[in-house]
Amino acid sequence: MASHDLEDVIAIVDAREELPEEIATADHEVRKFISELFARFLEDPKFLESLPGKLRGDAANQARLPIIVMRMEKIARL
């Protein structure tokens, strides 16, 4: 996945609190694809190290990082 695409995914996860629930109600194949993709991201130390760079550098945006990771973990468990 290209860097800009990944930034878009992170922005959507950040902006949509309800995203895990929406994905949970998606078609099985769609849900499986997204959850497996997020699980692979979260297992990759390089991905986790890169996350702060996908957000603006100010304290408020950086403070959202745990929320984003939590949502991604929730999606990965679907």
PDB file of N, CA and C in Angstrom:
ATOM      1  N   MET A   1       0.860  -1.171   0.000  1.00  0.00           N
ATOM      2  CA  MET A   1       0.000   0.000   0.000  1.00  0.00           C
ATOM      3  C   MET A   1       0.902   1.229   0.000  1.00  0.00           C
ATOM      4  N   ALA A   2       0.616   2.176  -0.885  1.00  0.00           N
ATOM      5  CA  ALA A   2       1.416   3.395  -0.981  1.00  0.00           C
ATOM      6  C   ALA A   2       1.225   4.261   0.256  1.00  0.00           C
ATOM      7  N   SER A   3       2.211   5.074   0.523  1.00  0.00           N
ATOM      8  CA  SER A   3       2.205   5.909   1.725  1.00  0.00           C
ATOM      9  C   SER A   3       0.982   6.816   1.796  1.00  0.00           C
ATOM     10  N   HIS A   4       0.627   7.438   0.670  1.00  0.00           N
ATOM     11  CA  HIS A   4      -0.538   8.332   0.688  1.00  0.00           C
ATOM     12  C   HIS A   4      -1.830   7.554   0.919  1.00  0.00           C
ATOM     13  N   ASP A   5      -1.907   6.351   0.378  1.00  0.00           N
ATOM     14  CA  ASP A   5      -3.078   5.507   0.622  1.00  0.00           C
ATOM     15  C   ASP A   5      -3.187   5.169   2.102  1.00  0.00           C
ATOM     16  N   LEU A   6      -2.060   4.852   2.702  1.00  0.00           N
ATOM     17  CA  LEU A   6      -2.041   4.522   4.123  1.00  0.00           C
ATOM     18  C   LEU A   6      -2.440   5.731   4.963  1.00  0.00           C
ATOM     19  N   GLU A   7      -1.983   6.904   4.576  1.00  0.00           N
ATOM     20  CA  GLU A   7      -2.386   8.123   5.281  1.00  0.00           C
ATOM     21  C   GLU A   7      -3.895   8.314   5.198  1.00  0.00           C
ATOM     22  N   ASP A   8      -4.478   8.011   4.045  1.00  0.00           N
ATOM     23  CA  ASP A   8      -5.931   8.118   3.886  1.00  0.00           C
ATOM     24  C   ASP A   8      -6.653   7.128   4.798  1.00  0.00           C
ATOM     25  N   VAL A   9      -6.151   5.899   4.869  1.00  0.00           N
ATOM     26  CA  VAL A   9      -6.761   4.890   5.744  1.00  0.00           C
ATOM     27  C   VAL A   9      -6.702   5.357   7.193  1.00  0.00           C
ATOM     28  N   ILE A  10      -5.551   5.853   7.627  1.00  0.00           N
ATOM     29  CA  ILE A  10      -5.384   6.331   9.001  1.00  0.00           C
ATOM     30  C   ILE A  10      -6.335   7.494   9.265  1.00  0.00           C
ATOM     31  N   ALA A  11      -6.476   8.398   8.307  1.00  0.00           N
ATOM     32  CA  ALA A  11      -7.383   9.539   8.477  1.00  0.00           C
ATOM     33  C   ALA A  11      -8.828   9.073   8.643  1.00  0.00           C
ATOM     34  N   ILE A  12      -9.232   8.064   7.884  1.00  0.00           N
ATOM     35  CA  ILE A  12     -10.597   7.542   7.996  1.00  0.00           C
ATOM     36  C   ILE A  12     -10.801   6.861   9.343  1.00  0.00           C
ATOM     37  N   VAL A  13      -9.847   6.049   9.762  1.00  0.00           N
ATOM     38  CA  VAL A  13      -9.951   5.382  11.066  1.00  0.00           C
ATOM     39  C   VAL A  13     -10.045   6.427  12.172  1.00  0.00           C
ATOM     40  N   ASP A  14      -9.258   7.479  12.055  1.00  0.00           N
ATOM     41  CA  ASP A  14      -9.261   8.538  13.064  1.00  0.00           C
ATOM     42  C   ASP A  14     -10.592   9.284  13.093  1.00  0.00           C
ATOM     43  N   ALA A  15     -11.139   9.572  11.933  1.00  0.00           N
ATOM     44  CA  ALA A  15     -12.328  10.427  11.847  1.00  0.00           C
ATOM     45  C   ALA A  15     -13.641   9.704  12.144  1.00  0.00           C
ATOM     46  N   ARG A  16     -13.649   8.394  12.022  1.00  0.00           N
ATOM     47  CA  ARG A  16     -14.917   7.664  12.121  1.00  0.00           C
ATOM     48  C   ARG A  16     -14.931   6.718  13.312  1.00  0.00           C
ATOM     49  N   GLU A  17     -15.424   7.227  14.419  1.00  0.00           N
ATOM     50  CA  GLU A  17     -15.528   6.427  15.640  1.00  0.00           C
ATOM     51  C   GLU A  17     -16.334   5.153  15.409  1.00  0.00           C
ATOM     52  N   GLU A  18     -17.325   5.246  14.529  1.00  0.00           N
ATOM     53  CA  GLU A  18     -18.225   4.119  14.284  1.00  0.00           C
ATOM     54  C   GLU A  18     -17.686   3.119  13.255  1.00  0.00           C
ATOM     55  N   LEU A  19     -16.507   3.347  12.725  1.00  0.00           N
ATOM     56  CA  LEU A  19     -15.967   2.485  11.674  1.00  0.00           C
ATOM     57  C   LEU A  19     -15.911   1.003  12.057  1.00  0.00           C
ATOM     58  N   PRO A  20     -15.439   0.638  13.247  1.00  0.00           N
ATOM     59  CA  PRO A  20     -15.434  -0.800  13.579  1.00  0.00           C
ATOM     60  C   PRO A  20     -16.826  -1.434  13.503  1.00  0.00           C
ATOM     61  N   GLU A  21     -17.825  -0.723  13.965  1.00  0.00           N
ATOM     62  CA  GLU A  21     -19.192  -1.256  13.913  1.00  0.00           C
ATOM     63  C   GLU A  21     -19.683  -1.343  12.472  1.00  0.00           C
ATOM     64  N   GLU A  22     -19.326  -0.373  11.650  1.00  0.00           N
ATOM     65  CA  GLU A  22     -19.736  -0.414  10.244  1.00  0.00           C
ATOM     66  C   GLU A  22     -19.088  -1.597   9.528  1.00  0.00           C
ATOM     67  N   ILE A  23     -17.825  -1.824   9.792  1.00  0.00           N
ATOM     68  CA  ILE A  23     -17.138  -2.949   9.160  1.00  0.00           C
ATOM     69  C   ILE A  23     -17.705  -4.268   9.678  1.00  0.00           C
ATOM     70  N   ALA A  24     -18.075  -4.305  10.941  1.00  0.00           N
ATOM     71  CA  ALA A  24     -18.646  -5.525  11.525  1.00  0.00           C
ATOM     72  C   ALA A  24     -19.930  -5.945  10.820  1.00  0.00           C
ATOM     73  N   THR A  25     -20.654  -5.000  10.255  1.00  0.00           N
ATOM     74  CA  THR A  25     -21.912  -5.321   9.573  1.00  0.00           C
ATOM     75  C   THR A  25     -21.742  -5.476   8.061  1.00  0.00           C
ATOM     76  N   ALA A  26     -20.511  -5.347   7.583  1.00  0.00           N
ATOM     77  CA  ALA A  26     -20.248  -5.482   6.149  1.00  0.00           C
ATOM     78  C   ALA A  26     -20.336  -6.948   5.730  1.00  0.00           C
ATOM     79  N   ASP A  27     -20.397  -7.156   4.436  1.00  0.00           N
ATOM     80  CA  ASP A  27     -20.359  -8.493   3.860  1.00  0.00           C
ATOM     81  C   ASP A  27     -19.160  -9.263   4.429  1.00  0.00           C
ATOM     82  N   HIS A  28     -19.341 -10.558   4.627  1.00  0.00           N
ATOM     83  CA  HIS A  28     -18.303 -11.389   5.252  1.00  0.00           C
ATOM     84  C   HIS A  28     -16.941 -11.245   4.567  1.00  0.00           C
ATOM     85  N   GLU A  29     -16.911 -11.308   3.252  1.00  0.00           N
ATOM     86  CA  GLU A  29     -15.635 -11.232   2.526  1.00  0.00           C
ATOM     87  C   GLU A  29     -14.970  -9.872   2.704  1.00  0.00           C
ATOM     88  N   VAL A  30     -15.758  -8.814   2.694  1.00  0.00           N
ATOM     89  CA  VAL A  30     -15.215  -7.467   2.902  1.00  0.00           C
ATOM     90  C   VAL A  30     -14.657  -7.353   4.316  1.00  0.00           C
ATOM     91  N   ARG A  31     -15.441  -7.789   5.285  1.00  0.00           N
ATOM     92  CA  ARG A  31     -15.021  -7.745   6.692  1.00  0.00           C
ATOM     93  C   ARG A  31     -13.736  -8.541   6.894  1.00  0.00           C
ATOM     94  N   LYS A  32     -13.676  -9.728   6.324  1.00  0.00           N
ATOM     95  CA  LYS A  32     -12.499 -10.583   6.460  1.00  0.00           C
ATOM     96  C   LYS A  32     -11.271  -9.919   5.844  1.00  0.00           C
ATOM     97  N   PHE A  33     -11.419  -9.361   4.657  1.00  0.00           N
ATOM     98  CA  PHE A  33     -10.296  -8.705   3.982  1.00  0.00           C
ATOM     99  C   PHE A  33      -9.750  -7.556   4.825  1.00  0.00           C
ATOM    100  N   ILE A  34     -10.638  -6.690   5.290  1.00  0.00           N
ATOM    101  CA  ILE A  34     -10.208  -5.523   6.065  1.00  0.00           C
ATOM    102  C   ILE A  34      -9.602  -5.947   7.394  1.00  0.00           C
ATOM    103  N   SER A  35     -10.231  -6.879   8.079  1.00  0.00           N
ATOM    104  CA  SER A  35      -9.708  -7.287   9.389  1.00  0.00           C
ATOM    105  C   SER A  35      -8.344  -7.959   9.253  1.00  0.00           C
ATOM    106  N   GLU A  36      -8.164  -8.778   8.241  1.00  0.00           N
ATOM    107  CA  GLU A  36      -6.863  -9.424   8.039  1.00  0.00           C
ATOM    108  C   GLU A  36      -5.792  -8.407   7.658  1.00  0.00           C
ATOM    109  N   LEU A  37      -6.150  -7.432   6.846  1.00  0.00           N
ATOM    110  CA  LEU A  37      -5.208  -6.380   6.464  1.00  0.00           C
ATOM    111  C   LEU A  37      -4.770  -5.582   7.687  1.00  0.00           C
ATOM    112  N   PHE A  38      -5.726  -5.194   8.514  1.00  0.00           N
ATOM    113  CA  PHE A  38      -5.388  -4.431   9.719  1.00  0.00           C
ATOM    114  C   PHE A  38      -4.549  -5.270  10.675  1.00  0.00           C
ATOM    115  N   ALA A  39      -4.845  -6.550  10.782  1.00  0.00           N
ATOM    116  CA  ALA A  39      -4.048  -7.429  11.648  1.00  0.00           C
ATOM    117  C   ALA A  39      -2.603  -7.480  11.167  1.00  0.00           C
ATOM    118  N   ARG A  40      -2.408  -7.580   9.853  1.00  0.00           N
ATOM    119  CA  ARG A  40      -1.040  -7.588   9.315  1.00  0.00           C
ATOM    120  C   ARG A  40      -0.332  -6.270   9.597  1.00  0.00           C
ATOM    121  N   PHE A  41      -1.035  -5.154   9.426  1.00  0.00           N
ATOM    122  CA  PHE A  41      -0.437  -3.851   9.742  1.00  0.00           C
ATOM    123  C   PHE A  41       0.034  -3.823  11.191  1.00  0.00           C
ATOM    124  N   LEU A  42      -0.842  -4.236  12.089  1.00  0.00           N
ATOM    125  CA  LEU A  42      -0.547  -4.131  13.522  1.00  0.00           C
ATOM    126  C   LEU A  42       0.547  -5.096  13.972  1.00  0.00           C
ATOM    127  N   GLU A  43       0.786  -6.143  13.220  1.00  0.00           N
ATOM    128  CA  GLU A  43       1.863  -7.086  13.541  1.00  0.00           C
ATOM    129  C   GLU A  43       3.216  -6.608  13.026  1.00  0.00           C
ATOM    130  N   ASP A  44       3.218  -5.567  12.216  1.00  0.00           N
ATOM    131  CA  ASP A  44       4.442  -5.076  11.584  1.00  0.00           C
ATOM    132  C   ASP A  44       5.039  -3.936  12.408  1.00  0.00           C
ATOM    133  N   PRO A  45       6.180  -4.154  13.046  1.00  0.00           N
ATOM    134  CA  PRO A  45       6.786  -3.092  13.856  1.00  0.00           C
ATOM    135  C   PRO A  45       7.074  -1.823  13.052  1.00  0.00           C
ATOM    136  N   LYS A  46       7.410  -1.978  11.777  1.00  0.00           N
ATOM    137  CA  LYS A  46       7.689  -0.798  10.942  1.00  0.00           C
ATOM    138  C   LYS A  46       6.428   0.035  10.750  1.00  0.00           C
ATOM    139  N   PHE A  47       5.296  -0.635  10.607  1.00  0.00           N
ATOM    140  CA  PHE A  47       4.035   0.096  10.489  1.00  0.00           C
ATOM    141  C   PHE A  47       3.774   0.885  11.761  1.00  0.00           C
ATOM    142  N   LEU A  48       3.902   0.224  12.902  1.00  0.00           N
ATOM    143  CA  LEU A  48       3.638   0.894  14.178  1.00  0.00           C
ATOM    144  C   LEU A  48       4.591   2.062  14.397  1.00  0.00           C
ATOM    145  N   GLU A  49       5.846   1.897  14.012  1.00  0.00           N
ATOM    146  CA  GLU A  49       6.818   2.984  14.140  1.00  0.00           C
ATOM    147  C   GLU A  49       6.486   4.147  13.216  1.00  0.00           C
ATOM    148  N   SER A  50       5.854   3.863  12.082  1.00  0.00           N
ATOM    149  CA  SER A  50       5.550   4.911  11.105  1.00  0.00           C
ATOM    150  C   SER A  50       4.284   5.697  11.433  1.00  0.00           C
ATOM    151  N   LEU A  51       3.443   5.162  12.306  1.00  0.00           N
ATOM    152  CA  LEU A  51       2.157   5.811  12.583  1.00  0.00           C
ATOM    153  C   LEU A  51       2.269   7.274  13.005  1.00  0.00           C
ATOM    154  N   PRO A  52       3.149   7.643  13.925  1.00  0.00           N
ATOM    155  CA  PRO A  52       3.216   9.060  14.305  1.00  0.00           C
ATOM    156  C   PRO A  52       3.481   9.981  13.114  1.00  0.00           C
ATOM    157  N   GLY A  53       4.226   9.505  12.132  1.00  0.00           N
ATOM    158  CA  GLY A  53       4.515  10.298  10.948  1.00  0.00           C
ATOM    159  C   GLY A  53       3.338  10.443  10.001  1.00  0.00           C
ATOM    160  N   LYS A  54       2.298   9.658  10.209  1.00  0.00           N
ATOM    161  CA  LYS A  54       1.095   9.743   9.369  1.00  0.00           C
ATOM    162  C   LYS A  54       0.118  10.787   9.895  1.00  0.00           C
ATOM    163  N   LEU A  55       0.413  11.329  11.077  1.00  0.00           N
ATOM    164  CA  LEU A  55      -0.436  12.351  11.693  1.00  0.00           C
ATOM    165  C   LEU A  55       0.314  13.672  11.721  1.00  0.00           C
ATOM    166  N   ARG A  56      -0.412  14.742  11.882  1.00  0.00           N
ATOM    167  CA  ARG A  56       0.246  16.036  12.077  1.00  0.00           C
ATOM    168  C   ARG A  56       1.089  15.964  13.340  1.00  0.00           C
ATOM    169  N   GLY A  57       2.117  16.782  13.395  1.00  0.00           N
ATOM    170  CA  GLY A  57       3.076  16.700  14.483  1.00  0.00           C
ATOM    171  C   GLY A  57       2.675  17.350  15.786  1.00  0.00           C
ATOM    172  N   ASP A  58       1.558  18.091  15.794  1.00  0.00           N
ATOM    173  CA  ASP A  58       1.168  18.778  17.029  1.00  0.00           C
ATOM    174  C   ASP A  58       0.693  17.777  18.078  1.00  0.00           C
ATOM    175  N   ALA A  59       0.729  18.218  19.317  1.00  0.00           N
ATOM    176  CA  ALA A  59       0.411  17.339  20.449  1.00  0.00           C
ATOM    177  C   ALA A  59      -1.004  16.774  20.371  1.00  0.00           C
ATOM    178  N   ALA A  60      -1.962  17.581  19.938  1.00  0.00           N
ATOM    179  CA  ALA A  60      -3.355  17.121  19.885  1.00  0.00           C
ATOM    180  C   ALA A  60      -3.514  15.952  18.912  1.00  0.00           C
ATOM    181  N   ASN A  61      -2.916  16.057  17.746  1.00  0.00           N
ATOM    182  CA  ASN A  61      -3.017  14.969  16.773  1.00  0.00           C
ATOM    183  C   ASN A  61      -2.231  13.746  17.218  1.00  0.00           C
ATOM    184  N   GLN A  62      -1.059  13.946  17.763  1.00  0.00           N
ATOM    185  CA  GLN A  62      -0.255  12.820  18.234  1.00  0.00           C
ATOM    186  C   GLN A  62      -0.949  12.093  19.389  1.00  0.00           C
ATOM    187  N   ALA A  63      -1.713  12.833  20.179  1.00  0.00           N
ATOM    188  CA  ALA A  63      -2.441  12.226  21.302  1.00  0.00           C
ATOM    189  C   ALA A  63      -3.549  11.289  20.816  1.00  0.00           C
ATOM    190  N   ARG A  64      -3.941  11.386  19.556  1.00  0.00           N
ATOM    191  CA  ARG A  64      -4.988  10.530  18.997  1.00  0.00           C
ATOM    192  C   ARG A  64      -4.457   9.154  18.612  1.00  0.00           C
ATOM    193  N   LEU A  65      -3.151   8.996  18.610  1.00  0.00           N
ATOM    194  CA  LEU A  65      -2.542   7.742  18.189  1.00  0.00           C
ATOM    195  C   LEU A  65      -3.088   6.516  18.923  1.00  0.00           C
ATOM    196  N   PRO A  66      -3.200   6.533  20.251  1.00  0.00           N
ATOM    197  CA  PRO A  66      -3.757   5.353  20.934  1.00  0.00           C
ATOM    198  C   PRO A  66      -5.199   5.039  20.517  1.00  0.00           C
ATOM    199  N   ILE A  67      -5.969   6.065  20.206  1.00  0.00           N
ATOM    200  CA  ILE A  67      -7.353   5.861  19.762  1.00  0.00           C
ATOM    201  C   ILE A  67      -7.365   5.165  18.409  1.00  0.00           C
ATOM    202  N   ILE A  68      -6.503   5.620  17.517  1.00  0.00           N
ATOM    203  CA  ILE A  68      -6.420   5.027  16.183  1.00  0.00           C
ATOM    204  C   ILE A  68      -6.001   3.562  16.284  1.00  0.00           C
ATOM    205  N   VAL A  69      -4.982   3.290  17.076  1.00  0.00           N
ATOM    206  CA  VAL A  69      -4.511   1.909  17.241  1.00  0.00           C
ATOM    207  C   VAL A  69      -5.610   1.044  17.858  1.00  0.00           C
ATOM    208  N   MET A  70      -6.318   1.574  18.840  1.00  0.00           N
ATOM    209  CA  MET A  70      -7.401   0.824  19.475  1.00  0.00           C
ATOM    210  C   MET A  70      -8.483   0.470  18.451  1.00  0.00           C
ATOM    211  N   ARG A  71      -8.850   1.412  17.604  1.00  0.00           N
ATOM    212  CA  ARG A  71      -9.863   1.135  16.575  1.00  0.00           C
ATOM    213  C   ARG A  71      -9.351   0.100  15.589  1.00  0.00           C
ATOM    214  N   MET A  72      -8.095   0.224  15.212  1.00  0.00           N
ATOM    215  CA  MET A  72      -7.524  -0.747  14.279  1.00  0.00           C
ATOM    216  C   MET A  72      -7.492  -2.140  14.904  1.00  0.00           C
ATOM    217  N   GLU A  73      -7.161  -2.228  16.176  1.00  0.00           N
ATOM    218  CA  GLU A  73      -7.161  -3.522  16.872  1.00  0.00           C
ATOM    219  C   GLU A  73      -8.565  -4.112  16.915  1.00  0.00           C
ATOM    220  N   LYS A  74      -9.541  -3.269  17.154  1.00  0.00           N
ATOM    221  CA  LYS A  74     -10.933  -3.731  17.191  1.00  0.00           C
ATOM    222  C   LYS A  74     -11.342  -4.286  15.826  1.00  0.00           C
ATOM    223  N   ILE A  75     -10.954  -3.591  14.776  1.00  0.00           N
ATOM    224  CA  ILE A  75     -11.269  -4.046  13.417  1.00  0.00           C
ATOM    225  C   ILE A  75     -10.527  -5.340  13.106  1.00  0.00           C
ATOM    226  N   ALA A  76      -9.287  -5.441  13.531  1.00  0.00           N
ATOM    227  CA  ALA A  76      -8.487  -6.645  13.268  1.00  0.00           C
ATOM    228  C   ALA A  76      -9.079  -7.880  13.938  1.00  0.00           C
ATOM    229  N   ARG A  77      -9.828  -7.692  15.006  1.00  0.00           N
ATOM    230  CA  ARG A  77     -10.434  -8.828  15.728  1.00  0.00           C
ATOM    231  C   ARG A  77     -11.787  -9.251  15.157  1.00  0.00           C
ATOM    232  N   LEU A  78     -12.288  -8.554  14.163  1.00  0.00           N
ATOM    233  CA  LEU A  78     -13.619  -8.889  13.618  1.00  0.00           C
ATOM    234  C   LEU A  78     -13.605 -10.226  12.891  1.00  0.00           C
TER     235      LEU A  78
END
